[in-house]
Amino acid sequence: MKYLFFSPVVWDYYLLQEQELAQRFSLQEHSCIYVNPVRYKNWEKGSVRLRSLSQKNPGKVQVIERFSKLPKSVFLFCYESMDNVRQAIKWRPDAVVSYEHLMSLLLCIYCRLKGLRFVFVVTDDWEEVLSGKVLKLFYRFIAKPVLGRFSYAIVSTSDCQALNFLHYSENVHVVPNGKTMEFIRNQADRSDEAGHIFNASGKKTVNFISSLRDCYDFELLFAVFQELPELELNIYGEGELYESLLEKSAWYSNVHVKGNAGAELFSTLMSETVLGILPLKLNKLNDSTCPIKLFDYWTFKKPVVASPTAELKKIAGGAVHFATTRDEYLEAIRTILKNDTLNGPMVEKGYRNMIERYNFDVLTQQFENIVAFK
């Protein structure tokens, strides 16, 4: 089969589901074409993900680059939507897989008219993510209903969004995020002692690596580590909150904001962290998001403290320490630091979850079963 992937994210060193699936399908002798979003004028100032371009060779996946010398506008929104259709006409795929929530409307209608299997993948609650009122209304009242009704199948990374789209279609499936088995096995071979080594300051290290966005409760994170002088928190990443977090960290001797961490440092930083932490705000957006960071922690066999979002409670019960308030986070972290015996079963359960469910051997087969011609 020939698969045509559309994504709002340029092929990046930190592979997301659409990129992992494209690679896996290509290794199974399918033809896979990955269409990058258009990079408009000044794009390098407008998107963290577009700035962290990868040197990673996608192998057999053909990556289509698109550029414009004009700044992003409503006109170019229409242009990109039409160019998506042009790409489908040009490549004549057997199936189209789109993660693009705003510019898939014409593409979906074209596929419906031509009898192509169009699969729309929902990774977030876009009504909550979108900031502009016009875009919110467009997605809620136009794009979402059309995509829901005209797509061959809807695939969601979370149960919450899958239930949401059942209003439009019966052909709705859940395929969560995950990691490759190669990655999981490689990291499991790293020393389990790394997270217990003291750094040069005589403290144990907690490394938090993520986009610095408002979905995380950084106020809570700072309040927690203010009470844990024996730990050193390193925050790695870029995003809209970077400058404010950098300024605030100056008031804390054990909290450091260090900017983006390259792919070559990721495994080392994850190995050296004594625990994983997911201080997610309890809101509608996080309740419907499948947390990729959790799978990083489970892969590296780290005990995890996390906020009890709806999706986390569903997939991580019994394999993480749940906490909501500052005092609950402090209690959970101190329990982890004191009691390795208690952490053992939870850590092993998280790792088994990766081996049995949240790896791309399993996830690719699930996805292929949804779109394959039978």
Protein backbone atom coordinates (compact mmCIF):
# COMPACT_ATOMS: atom_id res chain seq x y z
CA MET A 1 0.00 0.00 0.00
CA LYS A 2 0.96 3.61 -0.48
CA TYR A 3 0.37 5.84 2.56
CA LEU A 4 0.33 9.64 2.40
CA PHE A 5 0.85 11.32 5.80
CA PHE A 6 -0.04 14.95 6.55
CA SER A 7 1.19 16.48 9.78
CA PRO A 8 1.35 19.93 11.42
CA VAL A 9 4.85 18.99 12.63
CA VAL A 10 8.07 19.02 10.59
CA TRP A 11 10.03 15.76 10.71
CA ASP A 12 11.83 16.14 14.05
CA TYR A 13 14.47 14.31 16.06
CA TYR A 14 11.90 13.59 18.79
CA LEU A 15 9.69 11.32 16.72
CA LEU A 16 5.95 11.62 17.22
CA GLN A 17 3.32 9.03 16.39
CA GLU A 18 2.88 10.08 12.76
CA GLN A 19 6.60 9.86 12.12
CA GLU A 20 7.03 6.55 13.93
CA LEU A 21 4.13 5.01 12.00
CA ALA A 22 5.48 6.27 8.66
CA GLN A 23 8.87 4.72 9.43
CA ARG A 24 7.36 1.42 10.57
CA PHE A 25 5.12 1.15 7.52
CA SER A 26 8.05 1.87 5.22
CA LEU A 27 10.06 -0.94 6.85
CA GLN A 28 7.17 -3.29 6.06
CA GLU A 29 7.62 -2.49 2.36
CA HIS A 30 4.71 -0.05 2.19
CA SER A 31 5.38 3.17 0.29
CA CYS A 32 5.21 6.10 2.73
CA ILE A 33 5.23 9.79 1.89
CA TYR A 34 5.35 12.35 4.71
CA VAL A 35 4.22 15.88 3.74
CA ASN A 36 5.75 18.53 5.96
CA PRO A 37 3.67 21.63 6.74
CA VAL A 38 4.46 24.75 4.74
CA ARG A 39 7.26 26.76 6.32
CA TYR A 40 6.16 30.36 5.89
CA LYS A 41 8.25 33.52 6.10
CA ASN A 42 9.66 33.94 9.62
CA TRP A 43 8.57 30.39 10.51
CA GLU A 44 11.78 29.94 12.51
CA LYS A 45 10.49 32.55 14.99
CA GLY A 46 6.99 31.16 15.18
CA SER A 47 7.33 27.52 16.14
CA VAL A 48 9.69 25.68 18.45
CA ARG A 49 9.14 22.42 16.62
CA LEU A 50 9.87 23.95 13.23
CA ARG A 51 13.15 25.30 14.60
CA SER A 52 14.44 21.98 15.92
CA LEU A 53 14.87 20.40 12.50
CA SER A 54 16.32 16.93 12.40
CA GLN A 55 19.35 15.51 10.70
CA LYS A 56 17.83 12.08 11.31
CA ASN A 57 17.53 10.09 8.10
CA PRO A 58 13.94 8.92 7.78
CA GLY A 59 15.09 5.89 5.80
CA LYS A 60 12.60 4.75 3.22
CA VAL A 61 10.10 7.49 4.03
CA GLN A 62 9.91 10.19 1.36
CA VAL A 63 9.65 13.57 3.08
CA ILE A 64 8.10 16.39 1.06
CA GLU A 65 9.33 19.89 1.93
CA ARG A 66 7.16 22.97 1.38
CA PHE A 67 8.21 26.63 1.69
CA SER A 68 6.68 30.07 1.17
CA LYS A 69 8.31 33.50 1.01
CA LEU A 70 5.09 35.03 2.34
CA PRO A 71 4.01 35.30 6.00
CA LYS A 72 1.22 33.06 7.24
CA SER A 73 -2.24 34.45 6.46
CA VAL A 74 -5.83 33.44 5.75
CA PHE A 75 -5.00 33.38 2.04
CA LEU A 76 -2.11 30.99 2.61
CA PHE A 77 -4.28 28.89 4.90
CA CYS A 78 -6.50 28.32 1.86
CA TYR A 79 -3.46 27.75 -0.33
CA GLU A 80 -2.05 25.06 1.96
CA SER A 81 -5.45 23.36 2.12
CA MET A 82 -5.57 23.21 -1.66
CA ASP A 83 -1.96 22.11 -1.90
CA ASN A 84 -2.80 19.18 0.38
CA VAL A 85 -5.36 18.07 -2.21
CA ARG A 86 -2.76 18.57 -4.96
CA GLN A 87 -0.36 16.29 -3.09
CA ALA A 88 -3.03 13.57 -2.94
CA ILE A 89 -3.71 13.94 -6.68
CA LYS A 90 0.02 13.82 -7.44
CA TRP A 91 0.95 10.79 -5.33
CA ARG A 92 -2.24 8.71 -5.79
CA PRO A 93 -2.10 6.97 -2.40
CA ASP A 94 -4.20 4.03 -1.28
CA ALA A 95 -4.78 5.70 2.08
CA VAL A 96 -4.36 9.22 3.46
CA VAL A 97 -3.53 9.71 7.14
CA SER A 98 -3.89 13.26 8.43
CA TYR A 99 -2.94 14.71 11.81
CA GLU A 100 -3.67 18.22 10.55
CA HIS A 101 -6.82 19.49 12.27
CA LEU A 102 -7.30 22.78 10.40
CA MET A 103 -6.17 22.14 6.83
CA SER A 104 -7.61 18.68 6.20
CA LEU A 105 -11.11 19.78 5.30
CA LEU A 106 -10.75 19.92 1.50
CA LEU A 107 -8.47 16.88 1.56
CA CYS A 108 -11.07 14.85 3.46
CA ILE A 109 -13.84 15.85 1.02
CA TYR A 110 -11.63 15.02 -1.97
CA CYS A 111 -10.85 11.57 -0.57
CA ARG A 112 -14.51 10.95 0.09
CA LEU A 113 -15.43 11.83 -3.50
CA LYS A 114 -12.61 9.67 -4.92
CA GLY A 115 -13.25 6.69 -2.63
CA LEU A 116 -9.87 7.00 -0.89
CA ARG A 117 -9.52 5.89 2.71
CA PHE A 118 -8.98 9.06 4.71
CA VAL A 119 -8.04 8.58 8.37
CA PHE A 120 -8.15 11.60 10.67
CA VAL A 121 -5.98 11.26 13.78
CA VAL A 122 -6.89 13.32 16.84
CA THR A 123 -3.95 13.98 19.16
CA ASP A 124 -5.38 16.83 21.28
CA ASP A 125 -8.61 18.52 22.21
CA TRP A 126 -8.14 21.17 19.54
CA GLU A 127 -11.03 23.28 20.80
CA GLU A 128 -8.96 23.82 23.94
CA VAL A 129 -5.59 24.21 22.20
CA LEU A 130 -6.61 26.83 19.61
CA SER A 131 -6.29 30.37 20.93
CA GLY A 132 -8.06 32.45 18.28
CA LYS A 133 -11.84 32.72 18.52
CA VAL A 134 -12.32 32.42 14.75
CA LEU A 135 -10.16 29.28 14.56
CA LYS A 136 -12.01 27.73 17.49
CA LEU A 137 -15.36 28.36 15.80
CA PHE A 138 -14.06 27.08 12.45
CA TYR A 139 -12.80 23.84 14.00
CA ARG A 140 -15.84 23.28 16.23
CA PHE A 141 -18.63 24.00 13.74
CA ILE A 142 -17.04 23.23 10.35
CA ALA A 143 -13.83 21.19 10.38
CA LYS A 144 -14.68 18.80 13.21
CA PRO A 145 -18.17 17.78 11.96
CA VAL A 146 -16.96 17.34 8.36
CA LEU A 147 -13.88 15.35 9.37
CA GLY A 148 -15.94 13.30 11.79
CA ARG A 149 -18.63 12.39 9.25
CA PHE A 150 -16.63 12.10 6.01
CA SER A 151 -13.46 10.34 7.22
CA TYR A 152 -13.19 6.63 6.59
CA ALA A 153 -12.01 6.25 10.20
CA ILE A 154 -11.22 8.43 13.21
CA VAL A 155 -8.21 7.45 15.30
CA SER A 156 -7.61 9.11 18.66
CA THR A 157 -4.60 8.88 20.95
CA SER A 158 -6.94 9.20 23.97
CA ASP A 159 -10.21 7.61 25.05
CA CYS A 160 -11.72 10.99 25.84
CA GLN A 161 -11.42 12.28 22.27
CA ALA A 162 -12.52 8.93 20.85
CA LEU A 163 -15.76 9.18 22.83
CA ASN A 164 -16.14 12.77 21.63
CA PHE A 165 -16.00 11.72 17.95
CA LEU A 166 -18.46 8.84 18.38
CA HIS A 167 -21.08 11.55 17.99
CA TYR A 168 -20.10 11.74 14.30
CA SER A 169 -18.95 8.24 13.35
CA GLU A 170 -19.08 4.64 14.50
CA ASN A 171 -15.66 3.89 13.00
CA VAL A 172 -13.65 5.41 15.86
CA HIS A 173 -10.55 3.78 17.36
CA VAL A 174 -7.94 4.46 20.03
CA VAL A 175 -4.26 4.09 19.13
CA PRO A 176 -2.21 5.71 21.93
CA ASN A 177 1.31 7.11 21.85
CA GLY A 178 4.28 4.90 22.59
CA LYS A 179 7.94 4.06 21.91
CA THR A 180 9.68 1.61 19.61
CA MET A 181 10.76 -1.75 21.02
CA GLU A 182 14.32 -0.97 19.91
CA PHE A 183 14.31 2.21 22.00
CA ILE A 184 12.75 0.44 25.00
CA ARG A 185 15.28 -2.40 24.99
CA ASN A 186 18.26 -0.10 24.46
CA GLN A 187 17.36 2.08 27.43
CA ALA A 188 16.60 -0.88 29.68
CA ASP A 189 20.25 -1.89 29.30
CA ARG A 190 21.45 1.37 30.83
CA SER A 191 22.55 1.31 34.46
CA ASP A 192 19.68 1.37 36.94
CA GLU A 193 22.08 3.05 39.36
CA ALA A 194 22.41 6.20 37.26
CA GLY A 195 19.44 7.90 38.92
CA HIS A 196 20.94 7.37 42.37
CA ILE A 197 24.28 9.06 41.68
CA PHE A 198 24.87 12.38 43.45
CA ASN A 199 25.88 15.32 41.26
CA ALA A 200 28.76 17.73 41.87
CA SER A 201 26.62 19.68 44.36
CA GLY A 202 26.03 16.58 46.44
CA LYS A 203 22.39 16.42 45.42
CA LYS A 204 20.30 13.93 43.50
CA THR A 205 18.99 15.17 40.17
CA VAL A 206 15.50 15.43 38.71
CA ASN A 207 15.57 16.24 34.98
CA PHE A 208 12.32 17.52 33.46
CA ILE A 209 12.42 17.64 29.64
CA SER A 210 9.49 19.06 27.70
CA SER A 211 8.04 21.95 25.75
CA LEU A 212 7.63 24.76 28.26
CA ARG A 213 3.92 25.33 27.85
CA ASP A 214 0.98 26.30 30.02
CA CYS A 215 -0.31 22.71 30.27
CA TYR A 216 2.24 22.11 33.07
CA ASP A 217 1.80 23.59 36.54
CA PHE A 218 5.23 25.15 36.96
CA GLU A 219 4.05 27.17 39.96
CA LEU A 220 3.38 23.88 41.71
CA LEU A 221 6.72 22.46 40.55
CA PHE A 222 8.67 25.40 41.99
CA ALA A 223 6.72 25.26 45.25
CA VAL A 224 7.49 21.55 45.62
CA PHE A 225 11.23 21.81 45.00
CA GLN A 226 11.53 24.80 47.30
CA GLU A 227 10.85 22.26 50.07
CA LEU A 228 13.34 19.71 48.71
CA PRO A 229 16.81 21.31 48.97
CA GLU A 230 18.39 17.84 48.76
CA LEU A 231 17.23 17.58 45.13
CA GLU A 232 18.27 19.60 42.10
CA LEU A 233 15.63 20.23 39.44
CA ASN A 234 16.85 20.85 35.88
CA ILE A 235 14.18 22.06 33.44
CA TYR A 236 15.08 21.48 29.78
CA GLY A 237 13.10 22.74 26.81
CA GLU A 238 11.85 25.74 24.88
CA GLY A 239 8.45 27.33 24.61
CA GLU A 240 6.35 30.34 25.47
CA LEU A 241 7.18 30.12 29.19
CA TYR A 242 10.95 29.85 28.81
CA GLU A 243 11.84 33.47 29.68
CA SER A 244 9.50 33.69 32.68
CA LEU A 245 10.72 30.36 34.06
CA LEU A 246 14.34 31.38 33.58
CA GLU A 247 13.72 34.59 35.51
CA LYS A 248 11.86 32.81 38.30
CA SER A 249 14.47 30.07 38.68
CA ALA A 250 17.05 32.70 39.70
CA TRP A 251 15.32 32.84 43.09
CA TYR A 252 15.84 29.12 43.73
CA SER A 253 19.26 27.62 44.43
CA ASN A 254 18.19 24.12 43.37
CA VAL A 255 16.10 24.91 40.25
CA HIS A 256 17.79 25.53 36.89
CA VAL A 257 16.22 26.30 33.47
CA LYS A 258 18.68 25.08 30.87
CA GLY A 259 17.08 25.53 27.46
CA ASN A 260 16.67 22.91 24.77
CA ALA A 261 18.37 19.52 25.25
CA GLY A 262 19.59 17.93 22.03
CA ALA A 263 18.60 14.41 21.07
CA GLU A 264 22.10 13.16 21.86
CA LEU A 265 21.63 14.15 25.54
CA PHE A 266 18.14 12.77 26.02
CA SER A 267 19.02 9.23 27.12
CA THR A 268 21.74 10.42 29.50
CA LEU A 269 19.46 12.96 31.15
CA MET A 270 16.65 10.44 31.53
CA SER A 271 19.02 7.86 33.01
CA GLU A 272 20.37 10.32 35.55
CA THR A 273 17.03 11.54 36.86
CA VAL A 274 16.10 9.97 40.18
CA LEU A 275 12.38 10.10 39.37
CA GLY A 276 9.88 11.24 36.77
CA ILE A 277 7.46 14.07 37.39
CA LEU A 278 4.32 15.08 35.46
CA PRO A 279 2.84 18.21 37.06
CA LEU A 280 -0.08 18.53 34.65
CA LYS A 281 -2.79 21.07 35.29
CA LEU A 282 -6.13 19.43 35.96
CA ASN A 283 -8.19 20.74 33.06
CA LYS A 284 -10.16 19.60 30.03
CA LEU A 285 -7.16 19.69 27.70
CA ASN A 286 -4.93 17.47 29.84
CA ASP A 287 -7.82 15.10 30.59
CA SER A 288 -7.92 14.24 26.87
CA THR A 289 -4.17 14.02 26.17
CA CYS A 290 -2.10 10.84 25.99
CA PRO A 291 1.12 11.84 27.82
CA ILE A 292 4.24 10.87 25.85
CA LYS A 293 6.48 11.86 28.77
CA LEU A 294 5.00 9.07 30.89
CA PHE A 295 6.26 6.52 28.35
CA ASP A 296 9.74 8.02 28.53
CA TYR A 297 9.80 7.53 32.30
CA TRP A 298 8.43 4.00 32.10
CA THR A 299 10.98 3.09 29.42
CA PHE A 300 13.82 4.20 31.70
CA LYS A 301 12.26 2.38 34.68
CA LYS A 302 11.74 5.52 36.75
CA PRO A 303 9.19 5.92 39.53
CA VAL A 304 6.74 8.64 38.52
CA VAL A 305 4.76 11.28 40.39
CA ALA A 306 1.90 12.63 38.29
CA SER A 307 -1.28 14.68 38.47
CA PRO A 308 -4.41 12.49 38.18
CA THR A 309 -5.76 13.57 34.79
CA ALA A 310 -8.55 11.42 33.35
CA GLU A 311 -6.31 9.79 30.73
CA LEU A 312 -3.48 9.15 33.22
CA LYS A 313 -5.86 7.51 35.69
CA LYS A 314 -7.05 5.22 32.91
CA ILE A 315 -3.66 4.08 31.61
CA ALA A 316 -1.35 4.48 34.60
CA GLY A 317 -3.27 3.27 37.65
CA GLY A 318 -1.01 1.24 39.92
CA ALA A 319 2.11 2.30 38.02
CA VAL A 320 2.53 5.91 39.19
CA HIS A 321 2.20 7.89 42.42
CA PHE A 322 -0.72 10.29 41.94
CA ALA A 323 -0.62 13.71 43.61
CA THR A 324 -2.54 16.95 43.25
CA THR A 325 -1.40 19.47 45.87
CA ARG A 326 2.07 20.59 46.91
CA ASP A 327 1.90 18.49 50.08
CA GLU A 328 0.79 15.40 48.14
CA TYR A 329 3.68 15.82 45.69
CA LEU A 330 6.12 16.22 48.58
CA GLU A 331 4.79 13.11 50.29
CA ALA A 332 5.01 11.06 47.08
CA ILE A 333 8.54 12.23 46.26
CA ARG A 334 9.78 11.56 49.79
CA THR A 335 8.20 8.11 49.68
CA ILE A 336 10.06 7.37 46.44
CA LEU A 337 13.38 8.57 47.87
CA LYS A 338 13.00 6.49 51.02
CA ASN A 339 11.46 3.28 49.80
CA ASP A 340 12.87 1.49 46.75
CA THR A 341 11.02 -1.68 47.73
CA LEU A 342 7.66 0.05 47.39
CA ASN A 343 8.69 1.61 44.06
CA GLY A 344 9.79 -1.72 42.58
CA PRO A 345 6.35 -3.17 41.69
CA MET A 346 5.12 0.17 40.31
CA VAL A 347 8.21 0.65 38.16
CA GLU A 348 8.02 -2.92 36.85
CA LYS A 349 4.33 -2.51 36.04
CA GLY A 350 5.09 0.63 34.03
CA TYR A 351 7.86 -1.14 32.13
CA ARG A 352 5.59 -4.14 31.41
CA ASN A 353 2.98 -1.72 30.06
CA MET A 354 5.57 -0.51 27.56
CA ILE A 355 6.52 -4.04 26.50
CA GLU A 356 2.93 -5.27 26.18
CA ARG A 357 0.92 -2.24 25.03
CA TYR A 358 2.67 1.05 24.39
CA ASN A 359 5.25 0.07 21.79
CA PHE A 360 5.12 0.46 18.03
CA ASP A 361 5.19 -3.26 17.30
CA VAL A 362 1.71 -3.34 18.82
CA LEU A 363 0.56 0.15 17.81
CA THR A 364 1.57 -0.17 14.15
CA GLN A 365 -0.40 -3.39 13.83
CA GLN A 366 -3.43 -1.77 15.43
CA PHE A 367 -3.24 1.15 13.01
CA GLU A 368 -2.66 -1.06 9.99
CA ASN A 369 -5.73 -3.13 10.85
CA ILE A 370 -7.82 0.05 10.78
CA VAL A 371 -6.74 1.25 7.32
CA ALA A 372 -5.73 -1.96 5.52
CA PHE A 373 -7.81 -3.19 2.60
CA LYS A 374 -9.33 -6.59 3.40
